[in-house]
PDB file of all heavy atoms in Angstrom:
ATOM      1  N   SER A   1       0.797  -1.264   0.007  1.00  0.00           N
ATOM      2  CA  SER A   1       0.060   0.023   0.025  1.00  0.00           C
ATOM      3  C   SER A   1       0.840   1.282   0.046  1.00  0.00           C
ATOM      4  O   SER A   1       0.346   2.387  -0.330  1.00  0.00           O
ATOM      5  CB  SER A   1      -0.927   0.054   1.206  1.00  0.00           C
ATOM      6  OG  SER A   1      -0.164   0.297   2.409  1.00  0.00           O
ATOM      7  N   GLY A   2       2.024   1.143   0.446  1.00  0.00           N
ATOM      8  CA  GLY A   2       2.959   2.332   0.447  1.00  0.00           C
ATOM      9  C   GLY A   2       2.974   3.014   1.828  1.00  0.00           C
ATOM     10  O   GLY A   2       3.684   3.998   1.980  1.00  0.00           O
ATOM     11  N   GLU A   3       2.184   2.454   2.774  1.00  0.00           N
ATOM     12  CA  GLU A   3       2.167   3.102   4.118  1.00  0.00           C
ATOM     13  C   GLU A   3       2.215   1.840   5.047  1.00  0.00           C
ATOM     14  O   GLU A   3       1.138   1.265   5.323  1.00  0.00           O
ATOM     15  CB  GLU A   3       0.997   3.925   4.287  1.00  0.00           C
ATOM     16  CG  GLU A   3       1.021   4.643   5.640  1.00  0.00           C
ATOM     17  CD  GLU A   3      -0.060   5.752   5.843  1.00  0.00           C
ATOM     18  OE1 GLU A   3      -1.174   5.309   6.227  1.00  0.00           O
ATOM     19  OE2 GLU A   3       0.230   6.914   5.541  1.00  0.00           O
ATOM     20  N   PHE A   4       3.337   1.533   5.661  1.00  0.00           N
ATOM     21  CA  PHE A   4       3.462   0.476   6.587  1.00  0.00           C
ATOM     22  C   PHE A   4       3.166   0.869   8.010  1.00  0.00           C
ATOM     23  O   PHE A   4       3.990   1.661   8.560  1.00  0.00           O
ATOM     24  CB  PHE A   4       4.884  -0.177   6.416  1.00  0.00           C
ATOM     25  CG  PHE A   4       5.054  -1.532   7.248  1.00  0.00           C
ATOM     26  CD1 PHE A   4       4.583  -2.690   6.630  1.00  0.00           C
ATOM     27  CD2 PHE A   4       5.613  -1.450   8.487  1.00  0.00           C
ATOM     28  CE1 PHE A   4       4.753  -3.898   7.334  1.00  0.00           C
ATOM     29  CE2 PHE A   4       5.752  -2.606   9.146  1.00  0.00           C
ATOM     30  CZ  PHE A   4       5.277  -3.801   8.632  1.00  0.00           C
ATOM     31  N   VAL A   5       2.084   0.495   8.558  1.00  0.00           N
ATOM     32  CA  VAL A   5       1.640   0.883   9.866  1.00  0.00           C
ATOM     33  C   VAL A   5       1.952  -0.205  10.890  1.00  0.00           C
ATOM     34  O   VAL A   5       1.538  -1.356  10.651  1.00  0.00           O
ATOM     35  CB  VAL A   5       0.122   1.147   9.932  1.00  0.00           C
ATOM     36  CG1 VAL A   5      -0.261   1.636  11.357  1.00  0.00           C
ATOM     37  CG2 VAL A   5      -0.244   2.278   8.944  1.00  0.00           C
ATOM     38  N   PHE A   6       2.763   0.119  11.934  1.00  0.00           N
ATOM     39  CA  PHE A   6       3.147  -1.019  12.881  1.00  0.00           C
ATOM     40  C   PHE A   6       3.540  -0.321  14.198  1.00  0.00           C
ATOM     41  O   PHE A   6       4.174   0.658  14.261  1.00  0.00           O
ATOM     42  CB  PHE A   6       4.300  -1.795  12.238  1.00  0.00           C
ATOM     43  CG  PHE A   6       4.389  -3.219  12.753  1.00  0.00           C
ATOM     44  CD1 PHE A   6       3.366  -4.117  12.541  1.00  0.00           C
ATOM     45  CD2 PHE A   6       5.445  -3.656  13.528  1.00  0.00           C
ATOM     46  CE1 PHE A   6       3.413  -5.383  13.018  1.00  0.00           C
ATOM     47  CE2 PHE A   6       5.519  -4.965  13.997  1.00  0.00           C
ATOM     48  CZ  PHE A   6       4.497  -5.747  13.783  1.00  0.00           C
ATOM     49  N   PRO A   7       3.400  -1.089  15.278  1.00  0.00           N
ATOM     50  CA  PRO A   7       3.639  -0.542  16.651  1.00  0.00           C
ATOM     51  C   PRO A   7       5.035  -0.789  17.114  1.00  0.00           C
ATOM     52  O   PRO A   7       5.303  -1.293  18.224  1.00  0.00           O
ATOM     53  CB  PRO A   7       2.622  -1.294  17.532  1.00  0.00           C
ATOM     54  CG  PRO A   7       2.497  -2.683  16.941  1.00  0.00           C
ATOM     55  CD  PRO A   7       2.619  -2.333  15.440  1.00  0.00           C
ATOM     56  N   ALA A   8       6.026  -0.602  16.243  1.00  0.00           N
ATOM     57  CA  ALA A   8       7.437  -0.864  16.586  1.00  0.00           C
ATOM     58  C   ALA A   8       8.261   0.355  16.945  1.00  0.00           C
ATOM     59  O   ALA A   8       9.456   0.131  17.325  1.00  0.00           O
ATOM     60  CB  ALA A   8       8.086  -1.620  15.417  1.00  0.00           C
ATOM     61  N   GLY A   9       7.756   1.529  16.955  1.00  0.00           N
ATOM     62  CA  GLY A   9       8.616   2.641  17.245  1.00  0.00           C
ATOM     63  C   GLY A   9       9.882   2.706  16.374  1.00  0.00           C
ATOM     64  O   GLY A   9       9.811   2.446  15.235  1.00  0.00           O
ATOM     65  N   GLU A  10      10.867   2.996  17.028  1.00  0.00           N
ATOM     66  CA  GLU A  10      12.257   3.024  16.379  1.00  0.00           C
ATOM     67  C   GLU A  10      13.144   1.961  16.953  1.00  0.00           C
ATOM     68  O   GLU A  10      14.369   2.123  16.972  1.00  0.00           O
ATOM     69  CB  GLU A  10      12.913   4.395  16.544  1.00  0.00           C
ATOM     70  CG  GLU A  10      12.036   5.493  15.936  1.00  0.00           C
ATOM     71  CD  GLU A  10      11.726   5.455  14.536  1.00  0.00           C
ATOM     72  OE1 GLU A  10      12.432   4.772  13.794  1.00  0.00           O
ATOM     73  OE2 GLU A  10      10.575   5.837  14.114  1.00  0.00           O
ATOM     74  N   VAL A  11      12.517   0.887  17.502  1.00  0.00           N
ATOM     75  CA  VAL A  11      13.260  -0.227  18.057  1.00  0.00           C
ATOM     76  C   VAL A  11      14.060  -0.912  17.032  1.00  0.00           C
ATOM     77  O   VAL A  11      13.535  -1.250  15.852  1.00  0.00           O
ATOM     78  CB  VAL A  11      12.268  -1.188  18.776  1.00  0.00           C
ATOM     79  CG1 VAL A  11      12.975  -2.515  19.235  1.00  0.00           C
ATOM     80  CG2 VAL A  11      11.694  -0.538  19.988  1.00  0.00           C
ATOM     81  N   LYS A  12      15.231  -1.337  17.323  1.00  0.00           N
ATOM     82  CA  LYS A  12      16.042  -2.113  16.391  1.00  0.00           C
ATOM     83  C   LYS A  12      15.803  -3.649  16.596  1.00  0.00           C
ATOM     84  O   LYS A  12      15.661  -4.101  17.707  1.00  0.00           O
ATOM     85  CB  LYS A  12      17.512  -1.836  16.548  1.00  0.00           C
ATOM     86  CG  LYS A  12      17.954  -0.356  16.003  1.00  0.00           C
ATOM     87  CD  LYS A  12      19.477  -0.278  16.036  1.00  0.00           C
ATOM     88  CE  LYS A  12      19.812   1.090  15.371  1.00  0.00           C
ATOM     89  NZ  LYS A  12      19.651   1.102  13.798  1.00  0.00           N
ATOM     90  N   VAL A  13      15.731  -4.330  15.375  1.00  0.00           N
ATOM     91  CA  VAL A  13      15.343  -5.723  15.376  1.00  0.00           C
ATOM     92  C   VAL A  13      16.407  -6.538  14.589  1.00  0.00           C
ATOM     93  O   VAL A  13      16.773  -6.037  13.425  1.00  0.00           O
ATOM     94  CB  VAL A  13      14.042  -5.939  14.793  1.00  0.00           C
ATOM     95  CG1 VAL A  13      13.658  -7.280  14.546  1.00  0.00           C
ATOM     96  CG2 VAL A  13      12.905  -5.266  15.684  1.00  0.00           C
ATOM     97  N   PRO A  14      16.886  -7.722  14.970  1.00  0.00           N
ATOM     98  CA  PRO A  14      17.827  -8.527  14.189  1.00  0.00           C
ATOM     99  C   PRO A  14      17.038  -9.426  13.274  1.00  0.00           C
ATOM    100  O   PRO A  14      16.988 -10.671  13.410  1.00  0.00           O
ATOM    101  CB  PRO A  14      18.586  -9.266  15.229  1.00  0.00           C
ATOM    102  CG  PRO A  14      17.630  -9.444  16.308  1.00  0.00           C
ATOM    103  CD  PRO A  14      16.686  -8.242  16.361  1.00  0.00           C
ATOM    104  N   PHE A  15      16.370  -8.846  12.285  1.00  0.00           N
ATOM    105  CA  PHE A  15      15.586  -9.644  11.251  1.00  0.00           C
ATOM    106  C   PHE A  15      16.409 -10.826  10.757  1.00  0.00           C
ATOM    107  O   PHE A  15      17.581 -10.715  10.485  1.00  0.00           O
ATOM    108  CB  PHE A  15      15.128  -8.755  10.168  1.00  0.00           C
ATOM    109  CG  PHE A  15      14.188  -7.700  10.484  1.00  0.00           C
ATOM    110  CD1 PHE A  15      14.617  -6.385  10.708  1.00  0.00           C
ATOM    111  CD2 PHE A  15      12.833  -7.882  10.641  1.00  0.00           C
ATOM    112  CE1 PHE A  15      13.747  -5.388  11.045  1.00  0.00           C
ATOM    113  CE2 PHE A  15      11.932  -6.886  10.978  1.00  0.00           C
ATOM    114  CZ  PHE A  15      12.435  -5.645  11.175  1.00  0.00           C
ATOM    115  N   ILE A  16      15.727 -11.893  10.513  1.00  0.00           N
ATOM    116  CA  ILE A  16      16.465 -13.126  10.072  1.00  0.00           C
ATOM    117  C   ILE A  16      15.596 -13.700   8.845  1.00  0.00           C
ATOM    118  O   ILE A  16      14.395 -13.611   8.911  1.00  0.00           O
ATOM    119  CB  ILE A  16      16.646 -14.196  11.158  1.00  0.00           C
ATOM    120  CG1 ILE A  16      17.509 -15.370  10.576  1.00  0.00           C
ATOM    121  CG2 ILE A  16      15.334 -14.692  11.639  1.00  0.00           C
ATOM    122  CD1 ILE A  16      18.067 -16.173  11.692  1.00  0.00           C
ATOM    123  N   ASP A  17      16.323 -14.320   7.921  1.00  0.00           N
ATOM    124  CA  ASP A  17      15.690 -14.970   6.748  1.00  0.00           C
ATOM    125  C   ASP A  17      15.103 -16.268   7.208  1.00  0.00           C
ATOM    126  O   ASP A  17      15.849 -17.040   7.826  1.00  0.00           O
ATOM    127  CB  ASP A  17      16.750 -15.130   5.677  1.00  0.00           C
ATOM    128  CG  ASP A  17      16.124 -15.363   4.340  1.00  0.00           C
ATOM    129  OD1 ASP A  17      15.384 -16.433   4.172  1.00  0.00           O
ATOM    130  OD2 ASP A  17      16.367 -14.685   3.361  1.00  0.00           O
ATOM    131  N   THR A  18      13.971 -16.728   6.711  1.00  0.00           N
ATOM    132  CA  THR A  18      13.456 -18.045   7.120  1.00  0.00           C
ATOM    133  C   THR A  18      14.225 -19.120   6.474  1.00  0.00           C
ATOM    134  O   THR A  18      14.153 -20.224   7.023  1.00  0.00           O
ATOM    135  CB  THR A  18      11.959 -18.146   6.605  1.00  0.00           C
ATOM    136  OG1 THR A  18      11.872 -17.968   5.216  1.00  0.00           O
ATOM    137  CG2 THR A  18      11.088 -17.201   7.345  1.00  0.00           C
ATOM    138  N   ARG A  19      14.949 -18.870   5.457  1.00  0.00           N
ATOM    139  CA  ARG A  19      15.918 -19.889   4.890  1.00  0.00           C
ATOM    140  C   ARG A  19      16.998 -20.244   5.826  1.00  0.00           C
ATOM    141  O   ARG A  19      17.405 -21.363   5.977  1.00  0.00           O
ATOM    142  CB  ARG A  19      16.435 -19.392   3.450  1.00  0.00           C
ATOM    143  CG  ARG A  19      15.258 -19.496   2.354  1.00  0.00           C
ATOM    144  CD  ARG A  19      15.735 -18.726   1.188  1.00  0.00           C
ATOM    145  NE  ARG A  19      16.051 -17.321   1.415  1.00  0.00           N
ATOM    146  CZ  ARG A  19      16.358 -16.455   0.398  1.00  0.00           C
ATOM    147  NH1 ARG A  19      16.406 -16.836  -0.841  1.00  0.00           N
ATOM    148  NH2 ARG A  19      16.568 -15.156   0.644  1.00  0.00           N
ATOM    149  N   ASP A  20      17.552 -19.246   6.558  1.00  0.00           N
ATOM    150  CA  ASP A  20      18.503 -19.496   7.517  1.00  0.00           C
ATOM    151  C   ASP A  20      17.966 -20.223   8.712  1.00  0.00           C
ATOM    152  O   ASP A  20      18.577 -21.199   9.226  1.00  0.00           O
ATOM    153  CB  ASP A  20      19.119 -18.099   8.125  1.00  0.00           C
ATOM    154  CG  ASP A  20      20.021 -17.422   6.991  1.00  0.00           C
ATOM    155  OD1 ASP A  20      20.510 -18.162   6.203  1.00  0.00           O
ATOM    156  OD2 ASP A  20      20.081 -16.221   7.025  1.00  0.00           O
ATOM    157  N   LEU A  21      16.739 -19.875   9.148  1.00  0.00           N
ATOM    158  CA  LEU A  21      16.059 -20.572  10.127  1.00  0.00           C
ATOM    159  C   LEU A  21      15.896 -22.043   9.790  1.00  0.00           C
ATOM    160  O   LEU A  21      16.174 -22.999  10.519  1.00  0.00           O
ATOM    161  CB  LEU A  21      14.690 -20.066  10.415  1.00  0.00           C
ATOM    162  CG  LEU A  21      13.678 -20.895  11.174  1.00  0.00           C
ATOM    163  CD1 LEU A  21      14.074 -21.038  12.648  1.00  0.00           C
ATOM    164  CD2 LEU A  21      12.295 -20.420  11.051  1.00  0.00           C
ATOM    165  N   ALA A  22      15.468 -22.396   8.479  1.00  0.00           N
ATOM    166  CA  ALA A  22      15.207 -23.652   8.065  1.00  0.00           C
ATOM    167  C   ALA A  22      16.550 -24.465   8.061  1.00  0.00           C
ATOM    168  O   ALA A  22      16.631 -25.666   8.540  1.00  0.00           O
ATOM    169  CB  ALA A  22      14.662 -23.670   6.662  1.00  0.00           C
ATOM    170  N   ASP A  23      17.660 -23.919   7.645  1.00  0.00           N
ATOM    171  CA  ASP A  23      18.920 -24.565   7.640  1.00  0.00           C
ATOM    172  C   ASP A  23      19.358 -24.989   9.077  1.00  0.00           C
ATOM    173  O   ASP A  23      19.906 -26.025   9.304  1.00  0.00           O
ATOM    174  CB  ASP A  23      19.952 -23.815   6.839  1.00  0.00           C
ATOM    175  CG  ASP A  23      19.767 -23.740   5.444  1.00  0.00           C
ATOM    176  OD1 ASP A  23      18.926 -24.493   4.862  1.00  0.00           O
ATOM    177  OD2 ASP A  23      20.359 -22.910   4.727  1.00  0.00           O
ATOM    178  N   VAL A  24      19.133 -24.056  10.014  1.00  0.00           N
ATOM    179  CA  VAL A  24      19.464 -24.324  11.348  1.00  0.00           C
ATOM    180  C   VAL A  24      18.565 -25.426  11.984  1.00  0.00           C
ATOM    181  O   VAL A  24      19.086 -26.391  12.638  1.00  0.00           O
ATOM    182  CB  VAL A  24      19.272 -23.089  12.296  1.00  0.00           C
ATOM    183  CG1 VAL A  24      19.351 -23.358  13.758  1.00  0.00           C
ATOM    184  CG2 VAL A  24      20.457 -22.034  11.920  1.00  0.00           C
ATOM    185  N   VAL A  25      17.243 -25.418  11.562  1.00  0.00           N
ATOM    186  CA  VAL A  25      16.370 -26.506  12.148  1.00  0.00           C
ATOM    187  C   VAL A  25      16.872 -27.872  11.559  1.00  0.00           C
ATOM    188  O   VAL A  25      16.895 -28.829  12.354  1.00  0.00           O
ATOM    189  CB  VAL A  25      14.951 -26.222  11.616  1.00  0.00           C
ATOM    190  CG1 VAL A  25      14.069 -27.456  11.737  1.00  0.00           C
ATOM    191  CG2 VAL A  25      14.350 -25.088  12.345  1.00  0.00           C
ATOM    192  N   VAL A  26      17.181 -27.936  10.275  1.00  0.00           N
ATOM    193  CA  VAL A  26      17.688 -29.214   9.698  1.00  0.00           C
ATOM    194  C   VAL A  26      18.925 -29.641  10.364  1.00  0.00           C
ATOM    195  O   VAL A  26      19.115 -30.905  10.579  1.00  0.00           O
ATOM    196  CB  VAL A  26      17.831 -29.093   8.112  1.00  0.00           C
ATOM    197  CG1 VAL A  26      18.451 -30.259   7.647  1.00  0.00           C
ATOM    198  CG2 VAL A  26      16.375 -28.910   7.590  1.00  0.00           C
TER     199      VAL A  26
END
C-alpha cells in the first residue's frame, strides 16, 4: 500500500531470513 503501519517505534530488530532458520532446524 505504500504506508506500513506498525507498533514498533524506532526499536532495532535483528531480522532473519526463514531460509537461515530452516537450515538451522535441519
